[in-house]
Amino acid sequence: MTTKVKIDRRRRRRIATAISGRIVYPGIDAECWINQMSATSALVEVVPLPALETPVALDVPGIGFSRGITVRHTGQHVCIRLDPSLRKEQAMDDRLSDLAKTQTNPSLTD
C-alpha cells in the first residue's frame, strides 16, 4: 500500500487571519479582506480583482505595508506572493504566529 504525503513547499506557515486590510495597485486603493496570510504570501478578497502579475502593496493592521505581485485568482480571491526584506519577513512571521496562538487559545486574549 502506497501512502502519498503532501509536502508543503512554503517557506512560512500560512495563518487563517480573517482581517480587513487595504490593497493598493495601479489605479486602485481599496479595502480588502485578508483570509489567509504568511510572511511570504496572502489570500485576499478584493473588488475589483487585480490582473495577474500586477505589483501590489498590501497594508496589514499591526504589520504595515508589504509589496508583492499577484500570482493566481481563486474565485473572488487573489493570491499574492509577497517579497519582504528578511528582517520584515521575520517580524511578519512573529506577528502572524502570535495571531495564530490567540486564535487557537482564546484565553490568551483575556
Protein backbone atom coordinates (compact mmCIF):
# COMPACT_ATOMS: atom_id res chain seq x y z
CA MET A 1 0.00 0.00 0.00
CA THR A 2 1.35 3.38 -1.03
CA THR A 3 0.68 6.45 1.08
CA LYS A 4 1.07 9.86 -0.51
CA VAL A 5 2.48 12.57 1.69
CA LYS A 6 1.57 16.16 0.91
CA ILE A 7 4.67 18.31 1.00
CA ASP A 8 4.19 21.96 1.85
CA ARG A 9 6.80 23.94 -0.06
CA ARG A 10 6.03 27.23 1.64
CA ARG A 11 8.89 28.89 3.49
CA ARG A 12 6.47 30.19 6.11
CA ARG A 13 3.30 28.68 7.56
CA ARG A 14 0.04 30.24 6.32
CA ILE A 15 -2.32 31.51 9.05
CA ALA A 16 -6.10 31.95 8.76
CA THR A 17 -6.28 35.66 9.51
CA ALA A 18 -9.79 36.89 8.55
CA ILE A 19 -8.88 40.57 8.97
CA SER A 20 -9.63 43.67 6.95
CA GLY A 21 -6.77 45.48 5.28
CA ARG A 22 -6.01 47.76 2.38
CA ILE A 23 -4.59 46.96 -1.04
CA VAL A 24 -3.06 49.41 -3.49
CA TYR A 25 -2.30 48.67 -7.12
CA PRO A 26 -2.26 50.82 -10.30
CA GLY A 27 -5.38 52.99 -10.25
CA ILE A 28 -6.90 51.30 -7.18
CA ASP A 29 -6.71 51.96 -3.43
CA ALA A 30 -9.31 49.64 -1.86
CA GLU A 31 -10.37 47.99 1.35
CA CYS A 32 -9.85 44.22 1.26
CA TRP A 33 -10.36 41.10 3.35
CA ILE A 34 -7.23 39.06 4.12
CA ASN A 35 -8.40 35.47 4.55
CA GLN A 36 -5.02 33.77 4.92
CA MET A 37 -1.51 35.06 5.19
CA SER A 38 2.08 34.09 5.74
CA ALA A 39 5.13 36.33 5.70
CA THR A 40 5.61 35.48 2.02
CA SER A 41 2.05 35.15 0.65
CA ALA A 42 -1.56 36.22 1.14
CA LEU A 43 -5.02 35.17 0.00
CA VAL A 44 -7.06 38.36 -0.38
CA GLU A 45 -10.67 39.15 -1.30
CA VAL A 46 -10.96 42.48 -3.13
CA VAL A 47 -13.15 44.08 -5.79
CA PRO A 48 -12.03 44.65 -8.46
CA LEU A 49 -9.52 41.81 -8.67
CA PRO A 50 -6.11 42.95 -9.89
CA ALA A 51 -4.83 41.33 -13.07
CA LEU A 52 -2.21 38.60 -12.75
CA GLU A 53 1.41 39.74 -12.48
CA THR A 54 0.27 43.12 -11.09
CA PRO A 55 2.53 44.74 -8.48
CA VAL A 56 0.57 45.45 -5.28
CA ALA A 57 1.10 46.87 -1.82
CA LEU A 58 -0.86 45.19 0.97
CA ASP A 59 -1.43 47.12 4.21
CA VAL A 60 -1.98 44.70 7.09
CA PRO A 61 -3.07 46.05 10.51
CA GLY A 62 -0.31 45.63 13.07
CA ILE A 63 2.23 44.75 10.37
CA GLY A 64 2.22 47.58 7.84
CA PHE A 65 2.74 47.59 4.09
CA SER A 66 4.21 44.67 2.20
CA ARG A 67 4.90 44.71 -1.51
CA GLY A 68 4.18 41.78 -3.75
CA ILE A 69 2.83 40.54 -7.06
CA THR A 70 -0.42 38.78 -7.92
CA VAL A 71 0.12 35.18 -8.98
CA ARG A 72 -3.30 33.48 -9.18
CA HIS A 73 -7.05 34.01 -8.92
CA THR A 74 -9.26 31.59 -6.98
CA GLY A 75 -12.87 32.64 -7.37
CA GLN A 76 -13.28 36.08 -5.76
CA HIS A 77 -9.79 35.92 -4.22
CA VAL A 78 -6.35 36.81 -5.45
CA CYS A 79 -3.16 35.09 -4.29
CA ILE A 80 -0.27 37.45 -3.72
CA ARG A 81 3.39 36.48 -3.48
CA LEU A 82 4.93 38.93 -1.02
CA ASP A 83 8.57 39.96 -1.19
CA PRO A 84 9.53 41.45 2.19
CA SER A 85 13.08 42.05 3.31
CA LEU A 86 14.44 39.25 5.52
CA ARG A 87 14.07 41.46 8.59
CA LYS A 88 10.46 42.35 7.78
CA GLU A 89 9.71 38.72 6.85
CA GLN A 90 10.81 37.58 10.32
CA ALA A 91 8.82 40.35 12.03
CA MET A 92 5.72 39.44 10.00
CA ASP A 93 6.15 35.75 10.80
CA ASP A 94 6.46 36.54 14.52
CA ARG A 95 3.33 38.74 14.44
CA LEU A 96 1.33 36.12 12.49
CA SER A 97 2.49 33.39 14.89
CA ASP A 98 1.20 35.49 17.81
CA LEU A 99 -2.12 35.88 15.98
CA ALA A 100 -2.33 32.12 15.42
CA LYS A 101 -1.69 31.45 19.12
CA THR A 102 -4.52 33.74 20.21
CA GLN A 103 -6.88 32.13 17.66
CA THR A 104 -6.16 28.63 18.95
CA ASN A 105 -6.19 29.65 22.61
CA PRO A 106 -8.76 32.41 23.26
CA SER A 107 -7.75 32.62 26.93
CA LEU A 108 -4.57 34.39 25.82
CA THR A 109 -6.64 37.44 24.84
CA ASP A 110 -8.49 37.72 28.17
